[in-house]
Protein backbone atom coordinates (compact mmCIF):
# COMPACT_ATOMS: atom_id res chain seq x y z
CA MET A 1 106.17 124.82 90.49
CA SER A 2 107.74 123.40 87.35
CA ASP A 3 109.79 126.58 86.92
CA SER A 4 111.30 126.62 90.42
CA PRO A 5 115.03 125.95 90.77
CA LEU A 6 116.11 122.47 91.79
CA SER A 7 117.28 123.73 95.17
CA GLN A 8 113.78 125.00 95.98
CA SER A 9 111.94 121.74 95.35
CA ARG A 10 109.98 120.51 98.34
CA ILE A 11 109.99 116.73 98.52
CA LEU A 12 108.18 114.47 100.97
CA VAL A 13 109.15 110.80 101.22
CA ILE A 14 106.55 108.41 102.58
CA GLY A 15 108.10 105.10 103.50
CA ALA A 16 111.58 106.16 104.58
CA GLY A 17 113.12 102.73 104.86
CA ALA A 18 116.29 101.73 103.03
CA ILE A 19 114.96 102.71 99.60
CA GLY A 20 113.24 105.94 100.63
CA SER A 21 116.12 107.22 102.72
CA PHE A 22 118.71 106.35 100.06
CA TYR A 23 116.95 108.26 97.29
CA GLY A 24 115.87 111.03 99.65
CA ALA A 25 119.50 111.59 100.61
CA ALA A 26 120.48 111.80 96.93
CA LEU A 27 117.92 114.54 96.33
CA GLN A 28 118.86 116.46 99.46
CA ALA A 29 122.50 116.45 98.30
CA GLN A 30 121.38 118.67 95.40
CA GLY A 31 119.80 121.19 97.74
CA ALA A 32 116.21 119.95 97.67
CA ASN A 33 114.14 120.38 100.83
CA VAL A 34 113.52 116.71 101.69
CA SER A 35 111.26 115.57 104.53
CA VAL A 36 110.27 112.04 105.54
CA VAL A 37 107.41 110.21 107.19
CA CYS A 38 109.16 107.77 109.47
CA ARG A 39 107.15 105.92 112.09
CA SER A 40 109.15 102.92 113.33
CA GLU A 41 112.45 104.81 113.68
CA TYR A 42 111.01 108.27 114.31
CA ASP A 43 112.95 109.10 117.49
CA ILE A 44 116.34 108.04 116.13
CA VAL A 45 115.92 109.74 112.77
CA ARG A 46 114.54 112.94 114.31
CA SER A 47 117.56 113.24 116.61
CA ALA A 48 120.38 112.04 114.35
CA GLY A 49 119.05 111.52 110.83
CA PHE A 50 120.03 108.57 108.66
CA SER A 51 123.59 107.28 108.42
CA ILE A 52 124.08 106.00 104.86
CA GLU A 53 127.14 103.97 103.90
CA SER A 54 127.94 103.75 100.20
CA ASN A 55 131.19 102.92 98.46
CA ARG A 56 129.76 104.18 95.18
CA LEU A 57 128.28 107.50 96.30
CA GLY A 58 130.21 108.10 99.51
CA ASP A 59 129.12 107.88 103.14
CA ARG A 60 126.76 110.61 104.26
CA THR A 61 124.38 111.66 106.99
CA PHE A 62 120.91 112.51 105.79
CA VAL A 63 119.09 114.81 108.20
CA PRO A 64 115.58 115.43 106.79
CA ALA A 65 114.16 118.94 106.82
CA GLN A 66 111.16 117.52 108.69
CA THR A 67 110.88 114.09 110.30
CA LEU A 68 107.22 113.21 110.72
CA ARG A 69 105.06 110.48 112.17
CA SER A 70 102.23 111.29 109.74
CA VAL A 71 101.68 113.28 106.57
CA THR A 72 99.23 115.46 108.49
CA ASP A 73 102.20 116.94 110.38
CA TYR A 74 103.89 118.20 107.20
CA ALA A 75 104.33 121.97 107.43
CA GLY A 76 104.78 124.65 104.79
CA GLY A 77 102.21 123.64 102.20
CA PRO A 78 101.95 120.63 99.85
CA PRO A 79 105.18 119.12 98.50
CA ASP A 80 106.27 119.55 94.90
CA TYR A 81 107.10 115.83 94.72
CA LEU A 82 105.58 113.16 96.94
CA ILE A 83 107.76 110.03 96.81
CA VAL A 84 105.95 106.87 97.87
CA SER A 85 108.31 104.01 98.72
CA VAL A 86 106.19 102.03 101.14
CA LYS A 87 106.28 98.27 101.00
CA VAL A 88 103.03 97.20 99.37
CA VAL A 89 101.84 94.23 101.39
CA GLU A 90 98.29 92.93 101.72
CA GLY A 91 96.11 95.49 103.46
CA THR A 92 98.27 98.52 102.63
CA ASP A 93 96.07 101.53 101.82
CA ARG A 94 98.38 103.84 99.92
CA VAL A 95 95.61 106.28 99.04
CA ALA A 96 94.83 106.89 102.70
CA LEU A 97 98.53 107.16 103.54
CA ILE A 98 99.18 109.99 101.11
CA ARG A 99 95.85 111.79 100.70
CA ASP A 100 96.47 114.57 103.26
CA ALA A 101 99.80 115.51 101.65
CA VAL A 102 98.68 115.75 98.02
CA GLY A 103 98.16 119.30 96.76
CA PRO A 104 96.82 120.43 93.37
CA GLU A 105 100.33 120.66 91.87
CA THR A 106 101.94 117.75 93.71
CA VAL A 107 103.67 115.17 91.50
CA ILE A 108 103.23 111.68 92.95
CA VAL A 109 106.23 109.38 92.46
CA LEU A 110 105.92 105.64 93.09
CA ILE A 111 109.26 103.92 93.75
CA GLU A 112 107.82 100.47 94.35
CA ASN A 113 107.87 96.91 93.04
CA GLY A 114 105.29 95.10 91.00
CA VAL A 115 103.02 95.47 88.00
CA GLU A 116 99.63 97.16 87.70
CA ILE A 117 100.27 99.14 90.89
CA GLU A 118 99.45 102.60 89.55
CA GLY A 119 95.73 102.32 88.87
CA GLU A 120 94.40 102.94 92.38
CA ILE A 121 96.60 106.03 92.78
CA ALA A 122 95.70 107.40 89.35
CA ASP A 123 92.00 106.87 90.07
CA ALA A 124 92.20 108.56 93.48
CA PHE A 125 94.19 111.57 92.20
CA PRO A 126 93.18 111.97 88.55
CA ASP A 127 94.35 115.59 88.33
CA ASN A 128 97.87 114.96 89.67
CA GLU A 129 100.86 114.00 87.59
CA LEU A 130 101.95 110.45 88.37
CA ILE A 131 105.48 109.12 87.87
CA SER A 132 106.08 105.38 88.09
CA ALA A 133 109.64 104.38 89.01
CA LEU A 134 111.57 101.13 89.29
CA ALA A 135 114.68 100.91 91.44
CA PHE A 136 117.57 98.65 90.50
CA VAL A 137 119.54 98.81 93.73
CA GLN A 138 120.96 96.68 96.51
CA VAL A 139 120.42 98.63 99.72
CA SER A 140 119.45 97.46 103.20
CA ARG A 141 118.70 98.81 106.63
CA ILE A 142 121.43 97.37 108.85
CA ALA A 143 120.39 98.98 112.13
CA PRO A 144 117.89 101.63 113.29
CA GLY A 145 118.69 104.79 111.33
CA LYS A 146 121.55 103.07 109.49
CA VAL A 147 121.46 102.10 105.81
CA ARG A 148 124.04 100.27 103.72
CA HIS A 149 124.18 100.72 99.93
CA TYR A 150 125.89 97.68 98.40
CA ALA A 151 125.53 98.10 94.65
CA PHE A 152 123.70 99.68 91.73
CA GLY A 153 121.17 102.43 92.40
CA ASP A 154 119.79 103.10 88.92
CA LEU A 155 116.20 104.23 88.44
CA THR A 156 113.93 103.77 85.45
CA PHE A 157 110.89 105.98 85.39
CA GLY A 158 108.29 107.71 83.29
CA ASN A 159 104.85 109.17 83.57
CA TYR A 160 101.84 106.91 83.95
CA PRO A 161 100.30 105.72 81.73
CA SER A 162 102.94 106.91 79.25
CA GLY A 163 105.25 109.75 78.28
CA VAL A 164 107.88 111.83 80.05
CA THR A 165 107.00 115.36 81.20
CA ASP A 166 109.19 118.33 82.07
CA ARG A 167 108.70 117.70 85.76
CA ALA A 168 109.81 114.09 85.33
CA ARG A 169 112.93 115.34 83.54
CA LYS A 170 113.56 117.83 86.34
CA LEU A 171 113.45 115.02 88.91
CA ALA A 172 115.78 112.95 86.73
CA ALA A 173 118.26 115.85 86.63
CA MET A 174 118.31 116.06 90.41
CA PHE A 175 119.05 112.35 90.74
CA GLU A 176 121.71 112.31 88.03
CA LYS A 177 123.63 115.17 89.66
CA SER A 178 123.91 112.90 92.72
CA GLY A 179 125.32 110.01 90.71
CA ILE A 180 122.07 108.08 90.22
CA LYS A 181 121.78 106.82 86.65
CA ILE A 182 118.31 107.49 85.24
CA THR A 183 116.60 105.82 82.31
CA LEU A 184 113.52 107.72 81.18
CA ALA A 185 110.84 105.43 79.76
CA ASP A 186 108.09 106.60 77.44
CA ASN A 187 106.25 103.38 78.29
CA VAL A 188 107.01 102.68 81.93
CA VAL A 189 104.34 99.97 82.12
CA THR A 190 106.39 97.83 79.72
CA ALA A 191 109.45 98.49 81.88
CA ARG A 192 107.51 97.19 84.88
CA TRP A 193 106.69 93.97 83.05
CA GLN A 194 110.36 93.59 82.18
CA LYS A 195 111.28 93.70 85.86
CA CYS A 196 108.36 91.42 86.70
CA LEU A 197 109.83 88.78 84.37
CA TRP A 198 112.56 88.16 86.95
CA ASN A 199 110.78 89.08 90.17
CA ALA A 200 107.59 87.05 89.70
CA VAL A 201 109.59 83.84 89.26
CA PHE A 202 112.78 84.07 91.31
CA ASN A 203 111.20 85.71 94.36
CA PRO A 204 108.44 83.18 95.13
CA ALA A 205 110.56 80.21 94.03
CA SER A 206 113.26 81.26 96.50
CA VAL A 207 110.74 81.23 99.34
CA MET A 208 109.01 77.99 98.38
CA GLY A 209 112.36 76.21 98.18
CA GLY A 210 113.20 77.14 101.77
CA VAL A 211 115.10 80.41 101.28
CA LEU A 212 117.10 79.45 98.21
CA ASP A 213 119.74 81.67 96.68
CA THR A 214 120.07 82.17 92.94
CA ASP A 215 122.72 79.46 92.59
CA ASP A 216 120.43 76.93 94.27
CA MET A 217 117.60 77.78 91.91
CA LEU A 218 119.49 77.76 88.62
CA ASN A 219 121.89 74.88 89.21
CA ALA A 220 119.56 72.35 90.79
CA GLU A 221 118.37 69.55 88.51
CA GLU A 222 115.32 70.91 86.64
CA GLY A 223 115.92 74.31 88.24
CA GLU A 224 116.75 76.38 85.16
CA SER A 225 114.09 74.57 83.13
CA PHE A 226 111.42 75.51 85.68
CA VAL A 227 112.59 79.13 85.78
CA ARG A 228 112.52 79.40 81.99
CA ARG A 229 109.02 77.93 81.69
CA ALA A 230 107.65 80.22 84.40
CA MET A 231 109.30 83.24 82.79
CA ARG A 232 107.69 82.36 79.47
CA GLU A 233 104.33 82.52 81.21
CA VAL A 234 105.14 86.05 82.41
CA CYS A 235 106.04 86.98 78.82
CA ASP A 236 102.69 85.59 77.63
CA VAL A 237 100.80 87.68 80.18
CA ALA A 238 102.76 90.82 79.36
CA ALA A 239 102.05 90.38 75.65
CA ALA A 240 98.36 89.82 76.31
CA THR A 241 98.19 93.12 78.22
CA GLY A 242 99.74 94.97 75.28
CA HIS A 243 103.34 95.02 76.52
CA PRO A 244 105.32 92.36 74.62
CA LEU A 245 108.81 91.76 75.91
CA PRO A 246 111.95 91.17 73.82
CA PRO A 247 112.29 87.40 73.18
CA GLN A 248 115.96 87.43 74.23
CA LEU A 249 115.18 88.87 77.66
CA ILE A 250 114.84 85.48 79.38
CA ASP A 251 118.34 84.48 78.26
CA GLN A 252 119.73 87.85 79.32
CA TYR A 253 118.22 87.63 82.78
CA ILE A 254 119.33 84.05 83.38
CA ASP A 255 122.85 84.71 82.07
CA GLY A 256 123.12 87.87 84.18
CA THR A 257 121.91 86.05 87.29
CA ARG A 258 124.46 83.28 86.76
CA LYS A 259 127.30 85.79 86.42
CA ALA A 260 126.40 87.60 89.65
CA PRO A 261 127.49 86.12 93.00
CA PRO A 262 124.76 83.88 94.48
CA TYR A 263 122.27 85.94 96.47
CA LYS A 264 118.91 85.63 98.18
CA THR A 265 115.95 87.49 96.73
CA SER A 266 114.26 90.31 98.64
CA MET A 267 111.23 88.11 99.25
CA ALA A 268 113.40 85.31 100.64
CA LEU A 269 115.08 87.76 103.01
CA ASP A 270 111.69 89.04 104.15
CA TYR A 271 110.50 85.49 104.79
CA GLU A 272 113.70 84.53 106.58
CA ASN A 273 113.40 87.55 108.88
CA GLY A 274 109.69 87.21 109.56
CA ARG A 275 108.69 90.32 107.60
CA PRO A 276 105.57 90.68 105.41
CA MET A 277 106.21 89.74 101.79
CA GLU A 278 105.11 91.63 98.68
CA THR A 279 103.38 88.56 97.26
CA GLU A 280 100.43 90.40 95.78
CA ILE A 281 102.20 93.08 93.75
CA ILE A 282 105.15 90.93 92.68
CA LEU A 283 103.19 87.79 91.77
CA GLY A 284 99.49 88.17 92.54
CA ASN A 285 98.94 91.07 90.15
CA ALA A 286 100.63 89.13 87.34
CA VAL A 287 98.44 86.11 88.04
CA ARG A 288 95.27 88.22 88.06
CA ALA A 289 96.32 89.85 84.79
CA GLY A 290 96.85 86.41 83.27
CA ARG A 291 93.42 85.22 84.38
CA ARG A 292 91.80 88.43 83.13
CA GLU A 293 93.42 88.00 79.72
CA LYS A 294 92.67 84.25 79.68
CA VAL A 295 96.34 83.24 79.44
CA ALA A 296 97.40 79.76 80.55
CA ILE A 297 99.73 80.26 83.53
CA PRO A 298 99.84 76.95 85.47
CA LEU A 299 103.29 77.52 86.98
CA LEU A 300 102.58 81.07 88.11
CA GLU A 301 99.24 80.01 89.58
CA THR A 302 100.96 77.17 91.45
CA LEU A 303 103.61 79.50 92.86
CA TYR A 304 100.91 81.95 93.92
CA ALA A 305 98.79 79.30 95.64
CA LEU A 306 101.81 77.98 97.53
CA MET A 307 102.84 81.49 98.57
CA LYS A 308 99.36 82.12 100.01
CA MET A 309 99.69 78.89 102.02
CA VAL A 310 103.03 80.05 103.41
CA GLU A 311 101.62 83.47 104.26
CA ARG A 312 98.71 81.87 106.13
CA LYS A 313 101.05 79.65 108.14
CA THR A 314 103.31 82.62 108.94
CA ALA A 315 100.32 84.73 110.03
CA LYS A 316 99.10 81.95 112.36
CA ALA A 317 102.55 81.61 113.92
CA THR A 318 102.76 85.37 114.45
CA LYS A 319 99.38 85.46 116.24
CA GLN A 320 100.48 82.69 118.58
CA GLU A 321 103.61 84.55 119.71
């Protein structure tokens, strides 16, 4: 498998929403055989593919080699790369979702948010290579089968728990030929904590404030002070787990957020549109890590408790509809 040409790589994307279809299209553009598991928009995608609008990479139509309702329908043998880009909400069983598609030589690639998300996959498939990837991209589904890429698109990835293999470099080469900037990380777990530093604070705070944008959060009285203190707690947890973060990172993230146009976080958009939120992997896992390592995290624990209250209220309202 590792010696096959790029154009012969068989790739299966599970979770072909905005993220999965965007990166799947990039790989197909280099001649890879890319298939998708697509349940909610199956009929539209099977007949017309995905329409992807991108000023940076150009508009394109992505017609998967196979459009499937389930991994059990995948034909032709196990994929070389299995890309998992499902939204990890409470109750999601990723092991069950992918088990029937994983072959002995399949490389599993997680393009998902959060920290400490790899363990259950590594435990379930101990003999398979596992790549953990973080996407830095603004991309949204704007209509059934239609995706809009607004900005960025970079990926940071490496093998879990550490290192970068030849097959990871091969995947990076495919992405880079399509214009996706890749940063290969020897310690991808530390990279995940770096992203968590922003996500675990801004995302829940934006929801708890009533769908705040970044300007609302940073420029309100006491806003920046709260953000900084909560981010320091994330740094303390990361250090306690063996992944210390650069001390200047808080300043860099806050300065960068101020310079960008005000925007709503992904969690705020999910809440606003009545979609499940990734509370557990973005915040809950960080809180559990802090408790496990006996780190004082009063602000993170408060945000987490409030998020669980909001989720309960939202679930009750959904049942009543």
